[in-house]
Amino acid sequence: MILRAMILFVLAGLAEIGGGWLVWQWLRNGNGLWVGLLGGAVLVLYGVIPTLQQESNFGRVYAAYGGVFIVLAILWGMVV
């Protein structure tokens, strides 16, 4: 159960950061509309992934996700 939760946290973080980055690429760097649409689709996935958690208390899940997101955002900034 913990492994499943961590995988979902990582997937949600990558979807949130990656989707936002794709939209940024479209709007700020003039990449094609398809990049923005792909980013939007990935952000929709980010909205769905947390609902796959087995914990019924959304607030607790989202609070725990916040810590994972910070680590992923720092790693994304270092790599990308």
N, C-alpha and C. Protein backbone atom coordinates (compact mmCIF):
# COMPACT_ATOMS: atom_id res chain seq x y z
N MET A 1 0.83 -1.20 0.00
CA MET A 1 0.00 0.00 0.00
C MET A 1 0.87 1.26 0.00
N ILE A 2 1.96 1.27 0.74
CA ILE A 2 2.83 2.44 0.77
C ILE A 2 3.53 2.61 -0.57
N LEU A 3 3.95 1.51 -1.18
CA LEU A 3 4.61 1.58 -2.48
C LEU A 3 3.65 2.15 -3.53
N ARG A 4 2.41 1.69 -3.50
CA ARG A 4 1.40 2.20 -4.44
C ARG A 4 1.21 3.71 -4.25
N ALA A 5 1.10 4.13 -3.00
CA ALA A 5 0.91 5.56 -2.72
C ALA A 5 2.10 6.37 -3.22
N MET A 6 3.31 5.89 -3.00
CA MET A 6 4.50 6.63 -3.45
C MET A 6 4.57 6.69 -4.97
N ILE A 7 4.21 5.60 -5.64
CA ILE A 7 4.21 5.61 -7.11
C ILE A 7 3.20 6.63 -7.61
N LEU A 8 2.03 6.65 -7.01
CA LEU A 8 1.01 7.62 -7.42
C LEU A 8 1.47 9.05 -7.13
N PHE A 9 2.15 9.27 -6.01
CA PHE A 9 2.67 10.61 -5.72
C PHE A 9 3.68 11.03 -6.78
N VAL A 10 4.57 10.15 -7.14
CA VAL A 10 5.59 10.48 -8.15
C VAL A 10 4.93 10.73 -9.50
N LEU A 11 3.98 9.90 -9.88
CA LEU A 11 3.28 10.11 -11.15
C LEU A 11 2.54 11.45 -11.15
N ALA A 12 1.87 11.76 -10.05
CA ALA A 12 1.15 13.03 -9.96
C ALA A 12 2.12 14.20 -10.05
N GLY A 13 3.25 14.10 -9.37
CA GLY A 13 4.24 15.18 -9.41
C GLY A 13 4.81 15.38 -10.79
N LEU A 14 5.14 14.29 -11.46
CA LEU A 14 5.67 14.41 -12.82
C LEU A 14 4.62 14.98 -13.77
N ALA A 15 3.36 14.59 -13.58
CA ALA A 15 2.30 15.13 -14.42
C ALA A 15 2.10 16.62 -14.17
N GLU A 16 2.12 17.02 -12.91
CA GLU A 16 1.93 18.44 -12.59
C GLU A 16 3.08 19.29 -13.12
N ILE A 17 4.28 18.87 -12.83
CA ILE A 17 5.44 19.64 -13.26
C ILE A 17 5.61 19.57 -14.78
N GLY A 18 5.52 18.37 -15.32
CA GLY A 18 5.71 18.20 -16.76
C GLY A 18 4.63 18.89 -17.58
N GLY A 19 3.39 18.80 -17.13
CA GLY A 19 2.30 19.48 -17.84
C GLY A 19 2.47 20.99 -17.81
N GLY A 20 2.81 21.52 -16.65
CA GLY A 20 3.05 22.96 -16.55
C GLY A 20 4.22 23.40 -17.41
N TRP A 21 5.27 22.58 -17.46
CA TRP A 21 6.44 22.89 -18.28
C TRP A 21 6.08 22.90 -19.75
N LEU A 22 5.26 21.95 -20.18
CA LEU A 22 4.84 21.93 -21.59
C LEU A 22 4.02 23.15 -21.95
N VAL A 23 3.11 23.56 -21.08
CA VAL A 23 2.32 24.77 -21.33
C VAL A 23 3.25 25.99 -21.38
N TRP A 24 4.22 26.02 -20.49
CA TRP A 24 5.22 27.10 -20.50
C TRP A 24 5.96 27.15 -21.84
N GLN A 25 6.36 25.99 -22.32
CA GLN A 25 7.07 25.91 -23.59
C GLN A 25 6.21 26.46 -24.73
N TRP A 26 4.94 26.17 -24.69
CA TRP A 26 4.02 26.65 -25.72
C TRP A 26 3.84 28.17 -25.64
N LEU A 27 3.54 28.69 -24.45
CA LEU A 27 3.22 30.11 -24.32
C LEU A 27 4.44 31.01 -24.31
N ARG A 28 5.50 30.59 -23.64
CA ARG A 28 6.66 31.46 -23.47
C ARG A 28 7.73 31.29 -24.53
N ASN A 29 7.86 30.08 -25.06
CA ASN A 29 8.94 29.82 -26.01
C ASN A 29 8.44 29.62 -27.43
N GLY A 30 7.15 29.82 -27.64
CA GLY A 30 6.61 29.77 -28.99
C GLY A 30 6.55 28.39 -29.62
N ASN A 31 6.59 27.34 -28.81
CA ASN A 31 6.43 26.00 -29.38
C ASN A 31 5.01 25.85 -29.90
N GLY A 32 4.78 24.85 -30.72
CA GLY A 32 3.50 24.66 -31.37
C GLY A 32 2.33 24.46 -30.41
N LEU A 33 1.14 24.67 -30.95
CA LEU A 33 -0.09 24.49 -30.19
C LEU A 33 -0.17 23.07 -29.63
N TRP A 34 0.33 22.11 -30.37
CA TRP A 34 0.27 20.71 -29.93
C TRP A 34 1.00 20.53 -28.60
N VAL A 35 2.05 21.32 -28.36
CA VAL A 35 2.77 21.24 -27.09
C VAL A 35 1.87 21.72 -25.95
N GLY A 36 1.15 22.81 -26.19
CA GLY A 36 0.21 23.31 -25.19
C GLY A 36 -0.93 22.35 -24.92
N LEU A 37 -1.44 21.74 -25.98
CA LEU A 37 -2.53 20.77 -25.82
C LEU A 37 -2.04 19.53 -25.06
N LEU A 38 -0.85 19.09 -25.38
CA LEU A 38 -0.28 17.94 -24.65
C LEU A 38 -0.09 18.30 -23.17
N GLY A 39 0.41 19.51 -22.92
CA GLY A 39 0.56 19.96 -21.54
C GLY A 39 -0.77 19.99 -20.80
N GLY A 40 -1.81 20.47 -21.47
CA GLY A 40 -3.14 20.50 -20.87
C GLY A 40 -3.65 19.10 -20.55
N ALA A 41 -3.40 18.16 -21.47
CA ALA A 41 -3.83 16.78 -21.25
C ALA A 41 -3.08 16.16 -20.06
N VAL A 42 -1.80 16.46 -19.95
CA VAL A 42 -1.01 15.93 -18.84
C VAL A 42 -1.50 16.55 -17.52
N LEU A 43 -1.87 17.81 -17.54
CA LEU A 43 -2.40 18.45 -16.33
C LEU A 43 -3.75 17.85 -15.93
N VAL A 44 -4.55 17.45 -16.90
CA VAL A 44 -5.81 16.75 -16.58
C VAL A 44 -5.49 15.43 -15.88
N LEU A 45 -4.49 14.72 -16.39
CA LEU A 45 -4.06 13.48 -15.72
C LEU A 45 -3.63 13.76 -14.28
N TYR A 46 -2.93 14.87 -14.08
CA TYR A 46 -2.52 15.25 -12.73
C TYR A 46 -3.74 15.39 -11.82
N GLY A 47 -4.84 15.88 -12.35
CA GLY A 47 -6.05 16.01 -11.55
C GLY A 47 -6.71 14.68 -11.23
N VAL A 48 -6.47 13.68 -12.06
CA VAL A 48 -7.10 12.37 -11.87
C VAL A 48 -6.26 11.46 -10.97
N ILE A 49 -4.95 11.52 -11.11
CA ILE A 49 -4.07 10.58 -10.41
C ILE A 49 -4.28 10.55 -8.89
N PRO A 50 -4.42 11.70 -8.22
CA PRO A 50 -4.62 11.63 -6.76
C PRO A 50 -5.89 10.89 -6.34
N THR A 51 -6.89 10.83 -7.21
CA THR A 51 -8.13 10.13 -6.86
C THR A 51 -7.93 8.62 -6.84
N LEU A 52 -6.80 8.15 -7.34
CA LEU A 52 -6.52 6.71 -7.34
C LEU A 52 -5.94 6.23 -6.01
N GLN A 53 -5.63 7.17 -5.11
CA GLN A 53 -5.12 6.80 -3.79
C GLN A 53 -6.20 6.05 -3.02
N GLN A 54 -5.81 5.09 -2.20
CA GLN A 54 -6.77 4.29 -1.46
C GLN A 54 -7.21 4.96 -0.15
N GLU A 55 -6.46 5.93 0.32
CA GLU A 55 -6.83 6.68 1.53
C GLU A 55 -8.09 7.50 1.23
N SER A 56 -9.06 7.46 2.13
CA SER A 56 -10.32 8.16 1.89
C SER A 56 -10.26 9.65 2.27
N ASN A 57 -9.25 10.06 3.04
CA ASN A 57 -9.14 11.45 3.46
C ASN A 57 -8.27 12.22 2.47
N PHE A 58 -8.90 12.96 1.58
CA PHE A 58 -8.18 13.66 0.53
C PHE A 58 -7.19 14.67 1.09
N GLY A 59 -7.54 15.32 2.17
CA GLY A 59 -6.65 16.32 2.77
C GLY A 59 -5.32 15.73 3.20
N ARG A 60 -5.35 14.58 3.81
CA ARG A 60 -4.12 13.92 4.24
C ARG A 60 -3.27 13.50 3.04
N VAL A 61 -3.94 12.95 2.04
CA VAL A 61 -3.22 12.53 0.83
C VAL A 61 -2.55 13.73 0.19
N TYR A 62 -3.29 14.81 0.06
CA TYR A 62 -2.75 15.99 -0.62
C TYR A 62 -1.62 16.63 0.19
N ALA A 63 -1.72 16.61 1.50
CA ALA A 63 -0.66 17.16 2.34
C ALA A 63 0.62 16.34 2.18
N ALA A 64 0.49 15.02 2.17
CA ALA A 64 1.66 14.16 1.98
C ALA A 64 2.25 14.36 0.59
N TYR A 65 1.39 14.54 -0.40
CA TYR A 65 1.85 14.77 -1.77
C TYR A 65 2.68 16.05 -1.85
N GLY A 66 2.34 17.04 -1.07
CA GLY A 66 3.06 18.32 -1.11
C GLY A 66 4.55 18.16 -0.88
N GLY A 67 4.92 17.32 0.05
CA GLY A 67 6.34 17.08 0.31
C GLY A 67 7.03 16.40 -0.86
N VAL A 68 6.34 15.43 -1.46
CA VAL A 68 6.90 14.73 -2.62
C VAL A 68 7.06 15.71 -3.77
N PHE A 69 6.06 16.58 -3.96
CA PHE A 69 6.12 17.56 -5.04
C PHE A 69 7.34 18.47 -4.90
N ILE A 70 7.62 18.93 -3.70
CA ILE A 70 8.76 19.83 -3.50
C ILE A 70 10.05 19.14 -3.91
N VAL A 71 10.23 17.90 -3.50
CA VAL A 71 11.44 17.17 -3.88
C VAL A 71 11.51 16.99 -5.39
N LEU A 72 10.40 16.61 -6.01
CA LEU A 72 10.40 16.43 -7.47
C LEU A 72 10.67 17.75 -8.20
N ALA A 73 10.12 18.83 -7.70
CA ALA A 73 10.33 20.13 -8.35
C ALA A 73 11.80 20.54 -8.29
N ILE A 74 12.44 20.29 -7.17
CA ILE A 74 13.86 20.59 -7.05
C ILE A 74 14.67 19.72 -8.01
N LEU A 75 14.35 18.43 -8.06
CA LEU A 75 15.06 17.54 -8.98
C LEU A 75 14.82 17.93 -10.44
N TRP A 76 13.58 18.30 -10.76
CA TRP A 76 13.26 18.74 -12.14
C TRP A 76 14.10 19.96 -12.49
N GLY A 77 14.17 20.90 -11.57
CA GLY A 77 14.96 22.12 -11.81
C GLY A 77 16.44 21.83 -12.01
N MET A 78 16.94 20.84 -11.34
CA MET A 78 18.35 20.48 -11.49
C MET A 78 18.62 19.75 -12.80
N VAL A 79 17.66 18.95 -13.25
CA VAL A 79 17.89 18.13 -14.44
C VAL A 79 17.45 18.83 -15.71
N VAL A 80 16.29 19.46 -15.69
CA VAL A 80 15.74 20.07 -16.90
C VAL A 80 16.16 21.52 -16.96
